[in-house]
């Protein structure tokens, strides 16, 4: 979806945007992506104008289409919430856009905390956004597990001290996930692995034990 939005933004200006281009920035704070695009394509537009137009493109995209989530997303949220995990969302995208998408998909109520790149001085790949999310959840970073689908999200979470799972998908499969503690092919595989092995190897002192269903 975000790749499509950036592609349309640049198409309006007679520029092309490849998946390889998007892989260079996918997962970063929207402001950092804006800086990259303005510089790379030599655009005569302010960062604020670019972000505003991209937000409108994204909102229009979802007005016309149902939201599309990572497969097994709802099942994973149910799995963790039923086991007493506090769930937060640290996103490089705009919070109002993300909340709208979650509400349309019936997933908004799972999250007690949602933070975006504007809530911190430095967005992903810097650790600030994950440190803030942990603070708002009332948890020490070492007690937190991040599930990410981009290289820069992984780097952000690891720099904050989180144990980090990665699930590359789409364009992000072109990125480097070597810093992740574990890499999975899907959320379903991740959940099955936890059901089989528990969380003992994660070095997490969680408040409730994961039990196999």
C-alpha atoms as a PDB file:
ATOM      1  CA  UNK A   1       0.000   0.000   0.000  1.00  0.00           C
ATOM      2  CA  UNK A   2       2.706   2.509   0.959  1.00  0.00           C
ATOM      3  CA  UNK A   3       4.721   1.535  -2.094  1.00  0.00           C
ATOM      4  CA  UNK A   4       1.642   2.224  -4.237  1.00  0.00           C
ATOM      5  CA  UNK A   5       1.127   5.600  -2.549  1.00  0.00           C
ATOM      6  CA  UNK A   6       4.715   6.734  -3.115  1.00  0.00           C
ATOM      7  CA  UNK A   7       4.579   5.427  -6.691  1.00  0.00           C
ATOM      8  CA  UNK A   8       1.467   7.509  -7.415  1.00  0.00           C
ATOM      9  CA  UNK A   9       2.998  10.575  -5.766  1.00  0.00           C
ATOM     10  CA  UNK A  10       6.033  10.383  -8.061  1.00  0.00           C
ATOM     11  CA  UNK A  11       4.013   9.395 -11.132  1.00  0.00           C
ATOM     12  CA  UNK A  12       2.158  12.701 -10.813  1.00  0.00           C
ATOM     13  CA  UNK A  13       5.547  14.342 -11.313  1.00  0.00           C
ATOM     14  CA  UNK A  14       6.642  12.178 -14.213  1.00  0.00           C
ATOM     15  CA  UNK A  15       9.006  10.076 -12.115  1.00  0.00           C
ATOM     16  CA  UNK A  16       9.206   6.326 -11.621  1.00  0.00           C
ATOM     17  CA  UNK A  17       9.645   4.548  -8.293  1.00  0.00           C
ATOM     18  CA  UNK A  18      10.866   0.957  -8.286  1.00  0.00           C
ATOM     19  CA  UNK A  19      10.595  -1.666  -5.575  1.00  0.00           C
ATOM     20  CA  UNK A  20      14.355  -1.451  -5.226  1.00  0.00           C
ATOM     21  CA  UNK A  21      13.991   2.289  -4.552  1.00  0.00           C
ATOM     22  CA  UNK A  22      11.352   1.628  -1.904  1.00  0.00           C
ATOM     23  CA  UNK A  23      13.480  -1.067  -0.269  1.00  0.00           C
ATOM     24  CA  UNK A  24      16.042   1.663   0.481  1.00  0.00           C
ATOM     25  CA  UNK A  25      13.603   3.429   2.813  1.00  0.00           C
ATOM     26  CA  UNK A  26      10.745   1.047   3.676  1.00  0.00           C
ATOM     27  CA  UNK A  27      10.240   1.065   7.438  1.00  0.00           C
ATOM     28  CA  UNK A  28      11.813   4.455   8.074  1.00  0.00           C
ATOM     29  CA  UNK A  29       9.971   7.401   9.594  1.00  0.00           C
ATOM     30  CA  UNK A  30       7.853   9.152   6.970  1.00  0.00           C
ATOM     31  CA  UNK A  31       9.858  12.362   7.431  1.00  0.00           C
ATOM     32  CA  UNK A  32      13.099  10.548   6.609  1.00  0.00           C
ATOM     33  CA  UNK A  33      11.483   8.992   3.543  1.00  0.00           C
ATOM     34  CA  UNK A  34      10.316  12.453   2.487  1.00  0.00           C
ATOM     35  CA  UNK A  35      13.870  13.795   2.813  1.00  0.00           C
ATOM     36  CA  UNK A  36      15.171  10.904   0.699  1.00  0.00           C
ATOM     37  CA  UNK A  37      12.602  11.391  -2.068  1.00  0.00           C
ATOM     38  CA  UNK A  38      13.023  15.173  -2.247  1.00  0.00           C
ATOM     39  CA  UNK A  39      16.792  14.806  -2.536  1.00  0.00           C
ATOM     40  CA  UNK A  40      16.864  11.814  -4.900  1.00  0.00           C
ATOM     41  CA  UNK A  41      14.294  13.220  -7.328  1.00  0.00           C
ATOM     42  CA  UNK A  42      15.281  16.886  -6.881  1.00  0.00           C
ATOM     43  CA  UNK A  43      11.699  17.900  -6.125  1.00  0.00           C
ATOM     44  CA  UNK A  44      10.680  21.502  -5.562  1.00  0.00           C
ATOM     45  CA  UNK A  45       8.354  20.784  -2.664  1.00  0.00           C
ATOM     46  CA  UNK A  46       8.658  21.132   1.097  1.00  0.00           C
ATOM     47  CA  UNK A  47       8.762  18.118   3.365  1.00  0.00           C
ATOM     48  CA  UNK A  48       5.474  19.192   4.961  1.00  0.00           C
ATOM     49  CA  UNK A  49       3.757  19.472   1.569  1.00  0.00           C
ATOM     50  CA  UNK A  50       5.056  16.073   0.511  1.00  0.00           C
ATOM     51  CA  UNK A  51       3.897  14.372   3.718  1.00  0.00           C
ATOM     52  CA  UNK A  52       0.473  16.015   3.473  1.00  0.00           C
ATOM     53  CA  UNK A  53      -0.021  14.873  -0.127  1.00  0.00           C
ATOM     54  CA  UNK A  54       1.175  11.352   0.637  1.00  0.00           C
ATOM     55  CA  UNK A  55      -1.240  11.177   3.584  1.00  0.00           C
ATOM     56  CA  UNK A  56      -4.144  12.181   1.341  1.00  0.00           C
ATOM     57  CA  UNK A  57      -3.142   9.574  -1.250  1.00  0.00           C
ATOM     58  CA  UNK A  58      -3.022   6.910   1.459  1.00  0.00           C
ATOM     59  CA  UNK A  59      -6.384   7.891   2.953  1.00  0.00           C
ATOM     60  CA  UNK A  60      -7.984   7.933  -0.493  1.00  0.00           C
ATOM     61  CA  UNK A  61      -6.489   4.508  -1.186  1.00  0.00           C
ATOM     62  CA  UNK A  62      -8.246   3.045   1.846  1.00  0.00           C
ATOM     63  CA  UNK A  63     -11.516   4.833   1.195  1.00  0.00           C
ATOM     64  CA  UNK A  64     -11.748   2.819  -2.013  1.00  0.00           C
ATOM     65  CA  UNK A  65     -10.326  -0.496  -0.780  1.00  0.00           C
ATOM     66  CA  UNK A  66     -10.648  -2.657   2.327  1.00  0.00           C
ATOM     67  CA  UNK A  67      -7.501  -2.665   4.482  1.00  0.00           C
ATOM     68  CA  UNK A  68      -5.107  -5.513   3.805  1.00  0.00           C
ATOM     69  CA  UNK A  69      -3.169  -6.825   6.790  1.00  0.00           C
ATOM     70  CA  UNK A  70      -0.353  -9.302   7.084  1.00  0.00           C
ATOM     71  CA  UNK A  71      -1.820 -12.835   6.998  1.00  0.00           C
ATOM     72  CA  UNK A  72      -2.674 -14.168  10.479  1.00  0.00           C
ATOM     73  CA  UNK A  73      -2.492 -10.654  11.995  1.00  0.00           C
ATOM     74  CA  UNK A  74      -5.733 -10.877  13.969  1.00  0.00           C
ATOM     75  CA  UNK A  75      -4.968 -14.390  15.179  1.00  0.00           C
ATOM     76  CA  UNK A  76      -1.544 -13.236  16.394  1.00  0.00           C
ATOM     77  CA  UNK A  77      -3.038 -10.277  18.266  1.00  0.00           C
ATOM     78  CA  UNK A  78      -5.577 -12.562  19.926  1.00  0.00           C
ATOM     79  CA  UNK A  79      -2.825 -15.045  20.793  1.00  0.00           C
ATOM     80  CA  UNK A  80      -0.702 -12.468  22.621  1.00  0.00           C
ATOM     81  CA  UNK A  81      -3.533 -10.496  24.233  1.00  0.00           C
ATOM     82  CA  UNK A  82      -5.114 -13.632  25.716  1.00  0.00           C
ATOM     83  CA  UNK A  83      -1.801 -14.403  27.385  1.00  0.00           C
ATOM     84  CA  UNK A  84      -1.580 -11.104  29.182  1.00  0.00           C
ATOM     85  CA  UNK A  85       0.813  -9.264  26.899  1.00  0.00           C
ATOM     86  CA  UNK A  86       0.567  -5.494  26.694  1.00  0.00           C
ATOM     87  CA  UNK A  87       0.379  -4.618  23.008  1.00  0.00           C
ATOM     88  CA  UNK A  88       1.740  -1.444  21.492  1.00  0.00           C
ATOM     89  CA  UNK A  89       2.352  -0.222  17.965  1.00  0.00           C
ATOM     90  CA  UNK A  90       5.430   1.806  17.006  1.00  0.00           C
ATOM     91  CA  UNK A  91       4.969   3.003  13.441  1.00  0.00           C
ATOM     92  CA  UNK A  92       6.928   5.179  11.071  1.00  0.00           C
ATOM     93  CA  UNK A  93       3.672   6.114   9.356  1.00  0.00           C
ATOM     94  CA  UNK A  94       1.183   8.762  10.436  1.00  0.00           C
ATOM     95  CA  UNK A  95      -0.801   7.753  13.518  1.00  0.00           C
ATOM     96  CA  UNK A  96      -4.144   9.018  12.219  1.00  0.00           C
ATOM     97  CA  UNK A  97      -3.749   6.956   9.049  1.00  0.00           C
ATOM     98  CA  UNK A  98      -2.763   3.831  10.988  1.00  0.00           C
ATOM     99  CA  UNK A  99      -5.624   4.189  13.482  1.00  0.00           C
ATOM    100  CA  UNK A 100      -8.106   4.579  10.633  1.00  0.00           C
ATOM    101  CA  UNK A 101      -6.803   1.417   8.982  1.00  0.00           C
ATOM    102  CA  UNK A 102      -6.906  -0.539  12.249  1.00  0.00           C
ATOM    103  CA  UNK A 103     -10.462   0.583  12.988  1.00  0.00           C
ATOM    104  CA  UNK A 104     -11.670  -0.499   9.562  1.00  0.00           C
ATOM    105  CA  UNK A 105     -10.073  -3.890  10.131  1.00  0.00           C
ATOM    106  CA  UNK A 106     -11.431  -4.264  13.662  1.00  0.00           C
ATOM    107  CA  UNK A 107      -7.936  -4.361  15.195  1.00  0.00           C
ATOM    108  CA  UNK A 108      -7.678  -0.996  16.950  1.00  0.00           C
ATOM    109  CA  UNK A 109      -8.847  -2.201  20.377  1.00  0.00           C
ATOM    110  CA  UNK A 110      -5.951  -4.640  20.726  1.00  0.00           C
ATOM    111  CA  UNK A 111      -3.421  -1.819  21.183  1.00  0.00           C
ATOM    112  CA  UNK A 112      -3.145   0.162  24.407  1.00  0.00           C
ATOM    113  CA  UNK A 113      -0.368   2.355  22.980  1.00  0.00           C
ATOM    114  CA  UNK A 114       0.230   3.690  19.463  1.00  0.00           C
ATOM    115  CA  UNK A 115       3.162   5.996  18.735  1.00  0.00           C
ATOM    116  CA  UNK A 116       4.450   7.383  15.453  1.00  0.00           C
ATOM    117  CA  UNK A 117       7.565   9.154  14.254  1.00  0.00           C
ATOM    118  CA  UNK A 118       6.221  12.588  15.174  1.00  0.00           C
ATOM    119  CA  UNK A 119       6.174  11.616  18.856  1.00  0.00           C
ATOM    120  CA  UNK A 120       9.978  11.468  18.923  1.00  0.00           C
ATOM    121  CA  UNK A 121      12.875  13.559  17.659  1.00  0.00           C
ATOM    122  CA  UNK A 122      14.343  10.676  15.660  1.00  0.00           C
ATOM    123  CA  UNK A 123      12.224   8.023  13.961  1.00  0.00           C
ATOM    124  CA  UNK A 124      13.180   4.553  12.772  1.00  0.00           C
ATOM    125  CA  UNK A 125      15.916   3.301  12.401  1.00  0.00           C
ATOM    126  CA  UNK A 126      16.819   5.163  15.616  1.00  0.00           C
ATOM    127  CA  UNK A 127      15.655   3.579  18.913  1.00  0.00           C
ATOM    128  CA  UNK A 128      13.598   6.535  20.166  1.00  0.00           C
ATOM    129  CA  UNK A 129      10.171   5.328  19.051  1.00  0.00           C
ATOM    130  CA  UNK A 130      10.563   1.912  20.672  1.00  0.00           C
ATOM    131  CA  UNK A 131      11.923   3.433  23.871  1.00  0.00           C
ATOM    132  CA  UNK A 132       8.862   5.685  24.023  1.00  0.00           C
ATOM    133  CA  UNK A 133       6.508   2.770  23.355  1.00  0.00           C
ATOM    134  CA  UNK A 134       8.090   0.763  26.191  1.00  0.00           C
ATOM    135  CA  UNK A 135       7.819   3.764  28.504  1.00  0.00           C
ATOM    136  CA  UNK A 136       4.132   4.252  27.700  1.00  0.00           C
ATOM    137  CA  UNK A 137       3.504   0.534  28.247  1.00  0.00           C
ATOM    138  CA  UNK A 138       5.268   0.745  31.611  1.00  0.00           C
ATOM    139  CA  UNK A 139       7.865  -1.875  30.649  1.00  0.00           C
ATOM    140  CA  UNK A 140      11.633  -2.078  30.530  1.00  0.00           C
ATOM    141  CA  UNK A 141      12.881  -2.565  26.950  1.00  0.00           C
ATOM    142  CA  UNK A 142      14.592  -5.843  27.893  1.00  0.00           C
ATOM    143  CA  UNK A 143      11.156  -7.247  28.767  1.00  0.00           C
ATOM    144  CA  UNK A 144       9.722  -6.366  25.366  1.00  0.00           C
ATOM    145  CA  UNK A 145       9.377  -8.301  22.133  1.00  0.00           C
ATOM    146  CA  UNK A 146       9.167  -6.461  18.813  1.00  0.00           C
ATOM    147  CA  UNK A 147       7.727  -8.028  15.674  1.00  0.00           C
ATOM    148  CA  UNK A 148       8.934  -6.152  12.605  1.00  0.00           C
ATOM    149  CA  UNK A 149       8.672  -6.495   8.842  1.00  0.00           C
ATOM    150  CA  UNK A 150      11.402  -4.079   7.730  1.00  0.00           C
ATOM    151  CA  UNK A 151      15.154  -3.809   8.214  1.00  0.00           C
ATOM    152  CA  UNK A 152      14.915  -0.326   9.695  1.00  0.00           C
ATOM    153  CA  UNK A 153      12.234  -1.411  12.135  1.00  0.00           C
ATOM    154  CA  UNK A 154      14.479  -4.253  13.288  1.00  0.00           C
ATOM    155  CA  UNK A 155      17.417  -1.879  13.707  1.00  0.00           C
ATOM    156  CA  UNK A 156      15.248   0.512  15.719  1.00  0.00           C
ATOM    157  CA  UNK A 157      13.936  -2.193  18.045  1.00  0.00           C
ATOM    158  CA  UNK A 158      17.338  -3.797  18.581  1.00  0.00           C
ATOM    159  CA  UNK A 159      18.958  -0.430  19.323  1.00  0.00           C
ATOM    160  CA  UNK A 160      16.262   0.106  21.971  1.00  0.00           C
ATOM    161  CA  UNK A 161      17.120  -3.213  23.639  1.00  0.00           C
ATOM    162  CA  UNK A 162      14.097  -5.231  22.473  1.00  0.00           C
ATOM    163  CA  UNK A 163      14.228  -8.906  21.572  1.00  0.00           C
ATOM    164  CA  UNK A 164      13.193  -8.779  17.931  1.00  0.00           C
ATOM    165  CA  UNK A 165      11.442 -11.088  15.487  1.00  0.00           C
ATOM    166  CA  UNK A 166      11.389 -10.266  11.775  1.00  0.00           C
ATOM    167  CA  UNK A 167       8.861 -11.283   9.139  1.00  0.00           C
ATOM    168  CA  UNK A 168      10.013  -9.956   5.742  1.00  0.00           C
ATOM    169  CA  UNK A 169       7.183  -9.445   3.289  1.00  0.00           C
ATOM    170  CA  UNK A 170       6.791  -7.912  -0.134  1.00  0.00           C
ATOM    171  CA  UNK A 171       9.332  -5.204  -0.860  1.00  0.00           C
ATOM    172  CA  UNK A 172      11.043  -5.603   2.516  1.00  0.00           C
ATOM    173  CA  UNK A 173      12.238  -9.072   1.487  1.00  0.00           C
ATOM    174  CA  UNK A 174      14.968  -7.194  -0.415  1.00  0.00           C
ATOM    175  CA  UNK A 175      16.320  -5.792   2.860  1.00  0.00           C
ATOM    176  CA  UNK A 176      18.921  -7.076   5.333  1.00  0.00           C
ATOM    177  CA  UNK A 177      17.453  -8.770   8.438  1.00  0.00           C
ATOM    178  CA  UNK A 178      20.717 -10.052   9.893  1.00  0.00           C
ATOM    179  CA  UNK A 179      20.248  -8.027  13.107  1.00  0.00           C
ATOM    180  CA  UNK A 180      16.973  -9.749  14.012  1.00  0.00           C
ATOM    181  CA  UNK A 181      17.081 -12.369  16.771  1.00  0.00           C
ATOM    182  CA  UNK A 182      14.870 -14.661  14.711  1.00  0.00           C
ATOM    183  CA  UNK A 183      13.430 -14.451  11.197  1.00  0.00           C
ATOM    184  CA  UNK A 184      10.138 -16.121  10.287  1.00  0.00           C
ATOM    185  CA  UNK A 185       8.309 -16.559   7.006  1.00  0.00           C
ATOM    186  CA  UNK A 186       4.914 -15.655   8.493  1.00  0.00           C
ATOM    187  CA  UNK A 187       3.054 -14.754  11.672  1.00  0.00           C
ATOM    188  CA  UNK A 188       1.559 -18.225  11.654  1.00  0.00           C
ATOM    189  CA  UNK A 189       5.021 -19.799  11.738  1.00  0.00           C
ATOM    190  CA  UNK A 190       6.004 -17.446  14.568  1.00  0.00           C
ATOM    191  CA  UNK A 191       2.990 -18.406  16.700  1.00  0.00           C
ATOM    192  CA  UNK A 192       3.459 -22.119  16.055  1.00  0.00           C
ATOM    193  CA  UNK A 193       7.109 -21.826  17.091  1.00  0.00           C
ATOM    194  CA  UNK A 194       6.166 -20.115  20.353  1.00  0.00           C
ATOM    195  CA  UNK A 195       3.518 -22.753  21.028  1.00  0.00           C
ATOM    196  CA  UNK A 196       6.138 -25.452  20.531  1.00  0.00           C
ATOM    197  CA  UNK A 197       9.075 -23.897  22.384  1.00  0.00           C
ATOM    198  CA  UNK A 198       7.633 -21.217  24.669  1.00  0.00           C
ATOM    199  CA  UNK A 199       9.535 -18.014  25.304  1.00  0.00           C
ATOM    200  CA  UNK A 200      12.310 -19.338  27.533  1.00  0.00           C
ATOM    201  CA  UNK A 201      14.974 -18.727  24.890  1.00  0.00           C
ATOM    202  CA  UNK A 202      13.916 -15.105  24.430  1.00  0.00           C
ATOM    203  CA  UNK A 203      15.447 -13.984  27.735  1.00  0.00           C
ATOM    204  CA  UNK A 204      12.178 -12.192  28.477  1.00  0.00           C
ATOM    205  CA  UNK A 205      10.788 -12.008  31.995  1.00  0.00           C
ATOM    206  CA  UNK A 206       7.160 -11.842  30.942  1.00  0.00           C
ATOM    207  CA  UNK A 207       4.422 -11.545  33.529  1.00  0.00           C
ATOM    208  CA  UNK A 208       2.567 -14.630  32.352  1.00  0.00           C
ATOM    209  CA  UNK A 209       3.838 -17.921  31.027  1.00  0.00           C
ATOM    210  CA  UNK A 210       3.079 -18.824  27.439  1.00  0.00           C
ATOM    211  CA  UNK A 211       1.148 -22.066  27.381  1.00  0.00           C
ATOM    212  CA  UNK A 212       0.503 -24.340  24.448  1.00  0.00           C
ATOM    213  CA  UNK A 213      -3.143 -24.467  23.478  1.00  0.00           C
END
